[in-house]
């Protein structure tokens, strides 16, 4: 019996409170605050039936990923010095120099275990957090993009490179997002490797030929500004989740992390924390 990861062509499901939304992978989070509906395995079979032609080996097991994403919004400043939150998160999987560069650009990232969630939930509740939950089911292959906020026209964004220099760019349009690449490392224990890269995805698109196990396919892609120097990779055991939040430097409004992980309304400013739980499952 063989086990392999089926490939994604163009497929995703977003479930939110009270309604099923067919949305692009880049769609910014809807602002409903109710928990997402569970995704049924039979529904997943139907979703991917049309794109699994290459995965037709008799008796084969397809491994898919469901991502449970919680976007927690808190009043600005309430989590920046909240060491209690990060006490439950392992930030030491990456090189210290990369961790410092992420923090300088406004990001903190790490891995937490399922056992830490009750304590984190209690901390968020104390701060009056608003939680938006989505579920996205993907076949392995194409990355998952988490759209955060739209670019404001002619929005300036600054970032520090690995050489320590501060650079800036002005963006006319697009969506601020995080690109999540993933792989199942061990099919027996279903460990997952996640790689996180900040990006700005423009509205303009182009056609590109991309390789796959079955040859090449034509992909419609948005033009992107990729911050490769801030790419980080993380290993998650079953039931672990990735935590992405603001560092202290997000008080500097023009920095990349501040632009991606804060939301400004006419009256208030909110910090975001993202909790991303990959859940591999098998379909025969």
C-alpha atoms as a PDB file:
ATOM      1  CA  UNK A   1       0.000   0.000   0.000  1.00  0.00           C
ATOM      2  CA  UNK A   2       1.467   3.348  -0.979  1.00  0.00           C
ATOM      3  CA  UNK A   3       1.096   6.658   0.809  1.00  0.00           C
ATOM      4  CA  UNK A   4       1.624   9.966  -0.966  1.00  0.00           C
ATOM      5  CA  UNK A   5       0.554  13.557  -1.020  1.00  0.00           C
ATOM      6  CA  UNK A   6      -1.977  14.380  -3.718  1.00  0.00           C
ATOM      7  CA  UNK A   7      -1.266  17.549  -5.690  1.00  0.00           C
ATOM      8  CA  UNK A   8      -3.338  20.718  -5.657  1.00  0.00           C
ATOM      9  CA  UNK A   9      -4.413  22.322  -8.936  1.00  0.00           C
ATOM     10  CA  UNK A  10      -6.747  25.105  -7.808  1.00  0.00           C
ATOM     11  CA  UNK A  11      -8.857  24.088  -4.814  1.00  0.00           C
ATOM     12  CA  UNK A  12      -9.683  25.436  -1.378  1.00  0.00           C
ATOM     13  CA  UNK A  13     -12.635  25.568   0.943  1.00  0.00           C
ATOM     14  CA  UNK A  14     -13.352  28.380   3.345  1.00  0.00           C
ATOM     15  CA  UNK A  15     -16.035  27.770   5.938  1.00  0.00           C
ATOM     16  CA  UNK A  16     -17.286  30.572   8.157  1.00  0.00           C
ATOM     17  CA  UNK A  17     -20.204  31.131  10.464  1.00  0.00           C
ATOM     18  CA  UNK A  18     -23.579  30.381   8.998  1.00  0.00           C
ATOM     19  CA  UNK A  19     -22.486  30.224   5.373  1.00  0.00           C
ATOM     20  CA  UNK A  20     -20.134  28.454   2.990  1.00  0.00           C
ATOM     21  CA  UNK A  21     -17.993  30.861   1.011  1.00  0.00           C
ATOM     22  CA  UNK A  22     -16.215  29.978  -2.192  1.00  0.00           C
ATOM     23  CA  UNK A  23     -13.161  32.221  -1.959  1.00  0.00           C
ATOM     24  CA  UNK A  24      -9.762  32.714  -3.462  1.00  0.00           C
ATOM     25  CA  UNK A  25      -6.790  31.582  -1.396  1.00  0.00           C
ATOM     26  CA  UNK A  26      -5.816  35.252  -1.184  1.00  0.00           C
ATOM     27  CA  UNK A  27      -9.190  36.420   0.182  1.00  0.00           C
ATOM     28  CA  UNK A  28      -8.655  38.406   3.414  1.00  0.00           C
ATOM     29  CA  UNK A  29     -10.343  36.895   6.455  1.00  0.00           C
ATOM     30  CA  UNK A  30     -14.066  37.512   6.738  1.00  0.00           C
ATOM     31  CA  UNK A  31     -14.908  39.243   9.986  1.00  0.00           C
ATOM     32  CA  UNK A  32     -17.402  36.794  11.406  1.00  0.00           C
ATOM     33  CA  UNK A  33     -16.527  35.807  14.950  1.00  0.00           C
ATOM     34  CA  UNK A  34     -18.340  32.476  15.214  1.00  0.00           C
ATOM     35  CA  UNK A  35     -16.446  29.162  15.025  1.00  0.00           C
ATOM     36  CA  UNK A  36     -16.093  27.602  11.594  1.00  0.00           C
ATOM     37  CA  UNK A  37     -18.153  24.588  10.634  1.00  0.00           C
ATOM     38  CA  UNK A  38     -16.304  21.246  10.559  1.00  0.00           C
ATOM     39  CA  UNK A  39     -15.353  19.878   7.158  1.00  0.00           C
ATOM     40  CA  UNK A  40     -16.696  16.425   6.498  1.00  0.00           C
ATOM     41  CA  UNK A  41     -14.367  13.782   5.009  1.00  0.00           C
ATOM     42  CA  UNK A  42     -16.948  12.843   2.366  1.00  0.00           C
ATOM     43  CA  UNK A  43     -17.151  16.504   1.401  1.00  0.00           C
ATOM     44  CA  UNK A  44     -13.377  16.553   1.024  1.00  0.00           C
ATOM     45  CA  UNK A  45     -13.581  13.504  -1.262  1.00  0.00           C
ATOM     46  CA  UNK A  46     -16.060  15.304  -3.490  1.00  0.00           C
ATOM     47  CA  UNK A  47     -14.039  18.518  -3.530  1.00  0.00           C
ATOM     48  CA  UNK A  48     -10.923  16.821  -4.801  1.00  0.00           C
ATOM     49  CA  UNK A  49     -12.424  14.090  -6.965  1.00  0.00           C
ATOM     50  CA  UNK A  50     -11.985  16.122 -10.155  1.00  0.00           C
ATOM     51  CA  UNK A  51      -8.328  16.953  -9.459  1.00  0.00           C
ATOM     52  CA  UNK A  52      -7.138  13.515  -8.330  1.00  0.00           C
ATOM     53  CA  UNK A  53      -6.860  11.889 -11.738  1.00  0.00           C
ATOM     54  CA  UNK A  54      -3.166  11.306 -11.279  1.00  0.00           C
ATOM     55  CA  UNK A  55      -3.697   9.758  -7.867  1.00  0.00           C
ATOM     56  CA  UNK A  56      -5.558   6.710  -9.055  1.00  0.00           C
ATOM     57  CA  UNK A  57      -3.253   3.917  -7.947  1.00  0.00           C
ATOM     58  CA  UNK A  58      -5.413   1.116  -6.507  1.00  0.00           C
ATOM     59  CA  UNK A  59      -5.298   0.960  -2.724  1.00  0.00           C
ATOM     60  CA  UNK A  60      -3.349   4.198  -2.449  1.00  0.00           C
ATOM     61  CA  UNK A  61      -3.819   6.493   0.520  1.00  0.00           C
ATOM     62  CA  UNK A  62      -3.989  10.235  -0.194  1.00  0.00           C
ATOM     63  CA  UNK A  63      -2.770  12.555   2.545  1.00  0.00           C
ATOM     64  CA  UNK A  64      -4.505  15.937   2.671  1.00  0.00           C
ATOM     65  CA  UNK A  65      -4.150  18.928   4.933  1.00  0.00           C
ATOM     66  CA  UNK A  66      -6.844  20.872   6.706  1.00  0.00           C
ATOM     67  CA  UNK A  67      -5.672  24.182   8.142  1.00  0.00           C
ATOM     68  CA  UNK A  68      -7.538  25.570  11.141  1.00  0.00           C
ATOM     69  CA  UNK A  69      -6.661  29.261  11.391  1.00  0.00           C
ATOM     70  CA  UNK A  70      -7.606  31.528  14.279  1.00  0.00           C
ATOM     71  CA  UNK A  71      -7.036  35.257  13.840  1.00  0.00           C
ATOM     72  CA  UNK A  72      -7.054  36.913  17.256  1.00  0.00           C
ATOM     73  CA  UNK A  73      -7.414  40.693  17.348  1.00  0.00           C
ATOM     74  CA  UNK A  74      -6.591  42.637  20.508  1.00  0.00           C
ATOM     75  CA  UNK A  75      -6.411  46.353  21.305  1.00  0.00           C
ATOM     76  CA  UNK A  76      -3.024  47.642  20.150  1.00  0.00           C
ATOM     77  CA  UNK A  77      -0.309  47.358  22.770  1.00  0.00           C
ATOM     78  CA  UNK A  78      -2.048  44.734  24.878  1.00  0.00           C
ATOM     79  CA  UNK A  79       0.124  41.848  23.640  1.00  0.00           C
ATOM     80  CA  UNK A  80       3.413  43.529  22.793  1.00  0.00           C
ATOM     81  CA  UNK A  81       4.775  43.219  26.306  1.00  0.00           C
ATOM     82  CA  UNK A  82       2.617  40.241  27.296  1.00  0.00           C
ATOM     83  CA  UNK A  83       5.424  37.790  28.027  1.00  0.00           C
ATOM     84  CA  UNK A  84       2.851  35.323  29.322  1.00  0.00           C
ATOM     85  CA  UNK A  85       1.663  34.665  25.772  1.00  0.00           C
ATOM     86  CA  UNK A  86       5.116  33.853  24.441  1.00  0.00           C
ATOM     87  CA  UNK A  87       5.989  31.807  27.519  1.00  0.00           C
ATOM     88  CA  UNK A  88       3.824  29.098  25.936  1.00  0.00           C
ATOM     89  CA  UNK A  89       5.509  29.290  22.528  1.00  0.00           C
ATOM     90  CA  UNK A  90       8.790  27.742  21.337  1.00  0.00           C
ATOM     91  CA  UNK A  91      10.576  30.401  19.260  1.00  0.00           C
ATOM     92  CA  UNK A  92      13.942  28.626  19.231  1.00  0.00           C
ATOM     93  CA  UNK A  93      13.598  26.353  16.202  1.00  0.00           C
ATOM     94  CA  UNK A  94      15.168  28.903  13.857  1.00  0.00           C
ATOM     95  CA  UNK A  95      18.632  30.413  13.827  1.00  0.00           C
ATOM     96  CA  UNK A  96      18.976  33.186  16.447  1.00  0.00           C
ATOM     97  CA  UNK A  97      20.056  35.662  13.751  1.00  0.00           C
ATOM     98  CA  UNK A  98      16.841  34.996  11.791  1.00  0.00           C
ATOM     99  CA  UNK A  99      14.752  35.253  14.960  1.00  0.00           C
ATOM    100  CA  UNK A 100      16.342  38.628  15.703  1.00  0.00           C
ATOM    101  CA  UNK A 101      15.741  39.823  12.128  1.00  0.00           C
ATOM    102  CA  UNK A 102      12.079  38.793  12.319  1.00  0.00           C
ATOM    103  CA  UNK A 103      11.690  40.653  15.620  1.00  0.00           C
ATOM    104  CA  UNK A 104      13.376  43.742  14.215  1.00  0.00           C
ATOM    105  CA  UNK A 105      10.856  43.734  11.357  1.00  0.00           C
ATOM    106  CA  UNK A 106       7.908  43.359  13.714  1.00  0.00           C
ATOM    107  CA  UNK A 107       7.318  39.573  13.811  1.00  0.00           C
ATOM    108  CA  UNK A 108       7.390  36.889  16.487  1.00  0.00           C
ATOM    109  CA  UNK A 109       6.850  33.304  15.373  1.00  0.00           C
ATOM    110  CA  UNK A 110       6.967  29.998  17.198  1.00  0.00           C
ATOM    111  CA  UNK A 111       5.344  26.628  17.824  1.00  0.00           C
ATOM    112  CA  UNK A 112       2.914  25.808  20.633  1.00  0.00           C
ATOM    113  CA  UNK A 113       1.438  22.505  21.725  1.00  0.00           C
ATOM    114  CA  UNK A 114      -2.253  21.732  22.041  1.00  0.00           C
ATOM    115  CA  UNK A 115      -1.872  21.606  25.818  1.00  0.00           C
ATOM    116  CA  UNK A 116      -0.947  25.303  25.867  1.00  0.00           C
ATOM    117  CA  UNK A 117      -4.125  26.458  24.123  1.00  0.00           C
ATOM    118  CA  UNK A 118      -6.345  26.698  27.240  1.00  0.00           C
ATOM    119  CA  UNK A 119      -3.835  29.042  28.885  1.00  0.00           C
ATOM    120  CA  UNK A 120      -3.495  31.134  25.728  1.00  0.00           C
ATOM    121  CA  UNK A 121      -7.243  31.291  25.291  1.00  0.00           C
ATOM    122  CA  UNK A 122      -7.609  32.530  28.860  1.00  0.00           C
ATOM    123  CA  UNK A 123      -5.015  35.252  28.238  1.00  0.00           C
ATOM    124  CA  UNK A 124      -6.750  36.364  25.062  1.00  0.00           C
ATOM    125  CA  UNK A 125     -10.094  36.385  26.837  1.00  0.00           C
ATOM    126  CA  UNK A 126      -8.722  38.647  29.572  1.00  0.00           C
ATOM    127  CA  UNK A 127      -7.727  41.173  26.899  1.00  0.00           C
ATOM    128  CA  UNK A 128     -11.185  41.143  25.296  1.00  0.00           C
ATOM    129  CA  UNK A 129      -9.944  39.538  22.095  1.00  0.00           C
ATOM    130  CA  UNK A 130     -12.067  39.096  19.008  1.00  0.00           C
ATOM    131  CA  UNK A 131     -11.477  35.764  17.296  1.00  0.00           C
ATOM    132  CA  UNK A 132     -12.121  34.993  13.631  1.00  0.00           C
ATOM    133  CA  UNK A 133     -11.832  31.328  12.635  1.00  0.00           C
ATOM    134  CA  UNK A 134     -11.517  29.800   9.195  1.00  0.00           C
ATOM    135  CA  UNK A 135     -10.826  26.314   7.901  1.00  0.00           C
ATOM    136  CA  UNK A 136      -9.058  25.665   4.636  1.00  0.00           C
ATOM    137  CA  UNK A 137      -8.591  22.248   3.133  1.00  0.00           C
ATOM    138  CA  UNK A 138      -5.851  21.913   0.527  1.00  0.00           C
ATOM    139  CA  UNK A 139      -4.128  19.212  -1.414  1.00  0.00           C
ATOM    140  CA  UNK A 140      -0.369  19.353  -1.156  1.00  0.00           C
ATOM    141  CA  UNK A 141       1.453  21.203  -3.875  1.00  0.00           C
ATOM    142  CA  UNK A 142       0.542  24.866  -4.237  1.00  0.00           C
ATOM    143  CA  UNK A 143       1.182  27.114  -1.233  1.00  0.00           C
ATOM    144  CA  UNK A 144      -1.563  28.421   1.031  1.00  0.00           C
ATOM    145  CA  UNK A 145      -1.827  32.201   1.142  1.00  0.00           C
ATOM    146  CA  UNK A 146      -3.406  33.896   4.138  1.00  0.00           C
ATOM    147  CA  UNK A 147      -4.639  37.319   3.055  1.00  0.00           C
ATOM    148  CA  UNK A 148      -4.574  39.800   5.944  1.00  0.00           C
ATOM    149  CA  UNK A 149      -5.468  43.346   4.845  1.00  0.00           C
ATOM    150  CA  UNK A 150      -5.704  45.240   1.583  1.00  0.00           C
ATOM    151  CA  UNK A 151      -2.987  47.679   0.619  1.00  0.00           C
ATOM    152  CA  UNK A 152      -4.020  51.303   1.013  1.00  0.00           C
ATOM    153  CA  UNK A 153      -3.201  53.158  -2.194  1.00  0.00           C
ATOM    154  CA  UNK A 154       0.424  54.344  -2.228  1.00  0.00           C
ATOM    155  CA  UNK A 155       1.125  52.677   1.116  1.00  0.00           C
ATOM    156  CA  UNK A 156       4.771  52.906   2.274  1.00  0.00           C
ATOM    157  CA  UNK A 157       6.340  49.826   3.877  1.00  0.00           C
ATOM    158  CA  UNK A 158       9.845  49.643   5.373  1.00  0.00           C
ATOM    159  CA  UNK A 159      11.872  46.575   6.292  1.00  0.00           C
ATOM    160  CA  UNK A 160      15.328  45.646   7.568  1.00  0.00           C
ATOM    161  CA  UNK A 161      17.440  43.322   5.453  1.00  0.00           C
ATOM    162  CA  UNK A 162      19.910  40.781   6.777  1.00  0.00           C
ATOM    163  CA  UNK A 163      22.646  43.383   6.213  1.00  0.00           C
ATOM    164  CA  UNK A 164      20.974  45.618   8.784  1.00  0.00           C
ATOM    165  CA  UNK A 165      19.969  48.272   6.292  1.00  0.00           C
ATOM    166  CA  UNK A 166      16.502  49.813   6.345  1.00  0.00           C
ATOM    167  CA  UNK A 167      14.780  49.991   2.952  1.00  0.00           C
ATOM    168  CA  UNK A 168      11.319  51.065   1.909  1.00  0.00           C
ATOM    169  CA  UNK A 169       8.894  50.691  -0.955  1.00  0.00           C
ATOM    170  CA  UNK A 170       5.564  52.239  -1.879  1.00  0.00           C
ATOM    171  CA  UNK A 171       2.776  49.917  -2.993  1.00  0.00           C
ATOM    172  CA  UNK A 172      -0.107  51.070  -5.152  1.00  0.00           C
ATOM    173  CA  UNK A 173      -2.453  48.111  -4.593  1.00  0.00           C
ATOM    174  CA  UNK A 174      -2.637  44.493  -3.529  1.00  0.00           C
ATOM    175  CA  UNK A 175      -3.023  42.379  -0.414  1.00  0.00           C
ATOM    176  CA  UNK A 176      -0.703  41.910   2.536  1.00  0.00           C
ATOM    177  CA  UNK A 177      -0.345  38.209   3.125  1.00  0.00           C
ATOM    178  CA  UNK A 178       1.614  35.322   4.557  1.00  0.00           C
ATOM    179  CA  UNK A 179       2.596  32.481   2.275  1.00  0.00           C
ATOM    180  CA  UNK A 180       2.505  29.073   3.970  1.00  0.00           C
ATOM    181  CA  UNK A 181       4.428  26.255   2.302  1.00  0.00           C
ATOM    182  CA  UNK A 182       4.040  22.833   3.839  1.00  0.00           C
ATOM    183  CA  UNK A 183       5.094  19.200   3.690  1.00  0.00           C
ATOM    184  CA  UNK A 184       4.191  16.084   5.636  1.00  0.00           C
ATOM    185  CA  UNK A 185       7.525  14.928   7.010  1.00  0.00           C
ATOM    186  CA  UNK A 186       6.562  11.547   8.397  1.00  0.00           C
ATOM    187  CA  UNK A 187       3.477   9.715   7.187  1.00  0.00           C
ATOM    188  CA  UNK A 188       3.366   7.492  10.257  1.00  0.00           C
ATOM    189  CA  UNK A 189       3.286  10.280  12.819  1.00  0.00           C
ATOM    190  CA  UNK A 190       1.919  12.921  10.434  1.00  0.00           C
ATOM    191  CA  UNK A 191       4.471  15.553  11.366  1.00  0.00           C
ATOM    192  CA  UNK A 192       4.190  18.712   9.297  1.00  0.00           C
ATOM    193  CA  UNK A 193       6.845  21.203   8.216  1.00  0.00           C
ATOM    194  CA  UNK A 194       5.587  24.764   7.676  1.00  0.00           C
ATOM    195  CA  UNK A 195       7.515  27.586   6.000  1.00  0.00           C
ATOM    196  CA  UNK A 196       6.258  31.151   6.457  1.00  0.00           C
ATOM    197  CA  UNK A 197       7.104  34.007   4.093  1.00  0.00           C
ATOM    198  CA  UNK A 198       5.666  37.555   4.233  1.00  0.00           C
ATOM    199  CA  UNK A 199       4.499  38.830   0.847  1.00  0.00           C
ATOM    200  CA  UNK A 200       2.620  41.625  -0.847  1.00  0.00           C
ATOM    201  CA  UNK A 201       0.494  40.201  -3.640  1.00  0.00           C
ATOM    202  CA  UNK A 202      -0.408  42.685  -6.347  1.00  0.00           C
ATOM    203  CA  UNK A 203      -3.691  42.715  -8.243  1.00  0.00           C
ATOM    204  CA  UNK A 204      -1.924  42.237 -11.582  1.00  0.00           C
ATOM    205  CA  UNK A 205      -1.680  38.641 -12.812  1.00  0.00           C
ATOM    206  CA  UNK A 206       0.520  36.735 -15.245  1.00  0.00           C
ATOM    207  CA  UNK A 207       0.564  33.239 -16.754  1.00  0.00           C
ATOM    208  CA  UNK A 208       3.454  30.924 -15.882  1.00  0.00           C
ATOM    209  CA  UNK A 209       4.272  27.293 -16.629  1.00  0.00           C
ATOM    210  CA  UNK A 210       4.965  25.343 -13.449  1.00  0.00           C
ATOM    211  CA  UNK A 211       6.379  21.803 -13.087  1.00  0.00           C
ATOM    212  CA  UNK A 212       4.436  18.957 -11.498  1.00  0.00           C
ATOM    213  CA  UNK A 213       4.836  15.209 -11.179  1.00  0.00           C
ATOM    214  CA  UNK A 214       2.674  14.805 -14.285  1.00  0.00           C
ATOM    215  CA  UNK A 215       4.532  17.397 -16.392  1.00  0.00           C
ATOM    216  CA  UNK A 216       3.910  21.144 -16.631  1.00  0.00           C
ATOM    217  CA  UNK A 217       0.727  23.094 -16.009  1.00  0.00           C
ATOM    218  CA  UNK A 218      -0.236  26.688 -16.772  1.00  0.00           C
ATOM    219  CA  UNK A 219      -0.700  28.728 -13.618  1.00  0.00           C
ATOM    220  CA  UNK A 220      -2.435  32.106 -13.289  1.00  0.00           C
ATOM    221  CA  UNK A 221      -0.471  33.977 -10.633  1.00  0.00           C
ATOM    222  CA  UNK A 222      -0.529  37.384  -9.036  1.00  0.00           C
ATOM    223  CA  UNK A 223       2.629  39.452  -9.231  1.00  0.00           C
ATOM    224  CA  UNK A 224       4.221  39.437  -5.781  1.00  0.00           C
ATOM    225  CA  UNK A 225       6.802  41.196  -3.639  1.00  0.00           C
ATOM    226  CA  UNK A 226       8.388  38.392  -1.637  1.00  0.00           C
ATOM    227  CA  UNK A 227      10.410  39.093   1.503  1.00  0.00           C
ATOM    228  CA  UNK A 228      12.661  36.053   1.199  1.00  0.00           C
ATOM    229  CA  UNK A 229      15.074  37.165   3.908  1.00  0.00           C
ATOM    230  CA  UNK A 230      12.276  36.729   6.464  1.00  0.00           C
ATOM    231  CA  UNK A 231      11.347  33.184   5.401  1.00  0.00           C
ATOM    232  CA  UNK A 232      11.318  30.808   8.376  1.00  0.00           C
ATOM    233  CA  UNK A 233      10.702  27.047   8.636  1.00  0.00           C
ATOM    234  CA  UNK A 234       9.093  25.189  11.534  1.00  0.00           C
ATOM    235  CA  UNK A 235       8.519  21.554  12.496  1.00  0.00           C
ATOM    236  CA  UNK A 236       5.137  20.691  14.055  1.00  0.00           C
ATOM    237  CA  UNK A 237       4.240  17.479  15.825  1.00  0.00           C
ATOM    238  CA  UNK A 238       0.643  16.227  15.745  1.00  0.00           C
ATOM    239  CA  UNK A 239      -1.704  18.805  17.343  1.00  0.00           C
ATOM    240  CA  UNK A 240       0.970  21.525  17.481  1.00  0.00           C
ATOM    241  CA  UNK A 241       0.092  24.924  16.063  1.00  0.00           C
ATOM    242  CA  UNK A 242       2.107  27.829  14.716  1.00  0.00           C
ATOM    243  CA  UNK A 243       1.789  31.209  16.436  1.00  0.00           C
ATOM    244  CA  UNK A 244       2.535  34.419  14.509  1.00  0.00           C
ATOM    245  CA  UNK A 245       2.285  37.745  16.273  1.00  0.00           C
ATOM    246  CA  UNK A 246       3.731  41.247  16.571  1.00  0.00           C
ATOM    247  CA  UNK A 247       7.031  42.048  18.233  1.00  0.00           C
ATOM    248  CA  UNK A 248       7.734  45.219  20.202  1.00  0.00           C
ATOM    249  CA  UNK A 249       8.941  47.011  17.077  1.00  0.00           C
ATOM    250  CA  UNK A 250       5.429  47.114  15.576  1.00  0.00           C
ATOM    251  CA  UNK A 251       5.078  50.367  17.485  1.00  0.00           C
ATOM    252  CA  UNK A 252       7.005  51.714  14.467  1.00  0.00           C
ATOM    253  CA  UNK A 253       4.023  52.112  12.202  1.00  0.00           C
ATOM    254  CA  UNK A 254       5.758  51.832   8.810  1.00  0.00           C
ATOM    255  CA  UNK A 255       7.560  48.534   9.465  1.00  0.00           C
ATOM    256  CA  UNK A 256       6.527  45.414   7.557  1.00  0.00           C
ATOM    257  CA  UNK A 257       5.341  43.521  10.649  1.00  0.00           C
ATOM    258  CA  UNK A 258       3.234  46.462  11.768  1.00  0.00           C
ATOM    259  CA  UNK A 259       1.652  46.742   8.324  1.00  0.00           C
ATOM    260  CA  UNK A 260       0.795  43.031   8.205  1.00  0.00           C
ATOM    261  CA  UNK A 261      -0.128  42.360  11.829  1.00  0.00           C
ATOM    262  CA  UNK A 262      -2.080  45.455  12.820  1.00  0.00           C
ATOM    263  CA  UNK A 263      -5.461  46.745  11.677  1.00  0.00           C
ATOM    264  CA  UNK A 264      -6.503  50.365  11.878  1.00  0.00           C
ATOM    265  CA  UNK A 265     -10.098  51.544  12.063  1.00  0.00           C
ATOM    266  CA  UNK A 266     -11.324  55.134  12.239  1.00  0.00           C
ATOM    267  CA  UNK A 267     -11.294  54.950  16.023  1.00  0.00           C
ATOM    268  CA  UNK A 268      -9.090  52.050  17.113  1.00  0.00           C
ATOM    269  CA  UNK A 269      -5.985  50.080  16.303  1.00  0.00           C
ATOM    270  CA  UNK A 270      -5.736  46.307  16.749  1.00  0.00           C
ATOM    271  CA  UNK A 271      -2.845  43.854  16.934  1.00  0.00           C
ATOM    272  CA  UNK A 272      -3.249  40.412  15.353  1.00  0.00           C
ATOM    273  CA  UNK A 273      -2.062  37.025  16.480  1.00  0.00           C
ATOM    274  CA  UNK A 274      -2.491  34.089  14.089  1.00  0.00           C
ATOM    275  CA  UNK A 275      -2.721  30.506  15.342  1.00  0.00           C
ATOM    276  CA  UNK A 276      -2.357  28.028  12.469  1.00  0.00           C
ATOM    277  CA  UNK A 277      -3.029  24.332  13.079  1.00  0.00           C
ATOM    278  CA  UNK A 278      -2.272  21.895  10.248  1.00  0.00           C
ATOM    279  CA  UNK A 279      -4.326  18.701  10.423  1.00  0.00           C
ATOM    280  CA  UNK A 280      -3.241  15.976   7.994  1.00  0.00           C
ATOM    281  CA  UNK A 281      -5.780  13.267   7.237  1.00  0.00           C
ATOM    282  CA  UNK A 282      -5.852  10.263   4.942  1.00  0.00           C
ATOM    283  CA  UNK A 283      -8.418   9.370   2.289  1.00  0.00           C
ATOM    284  CA  UNK A 284      -8.405   6.053   0.469  1.00  0.00           C
END
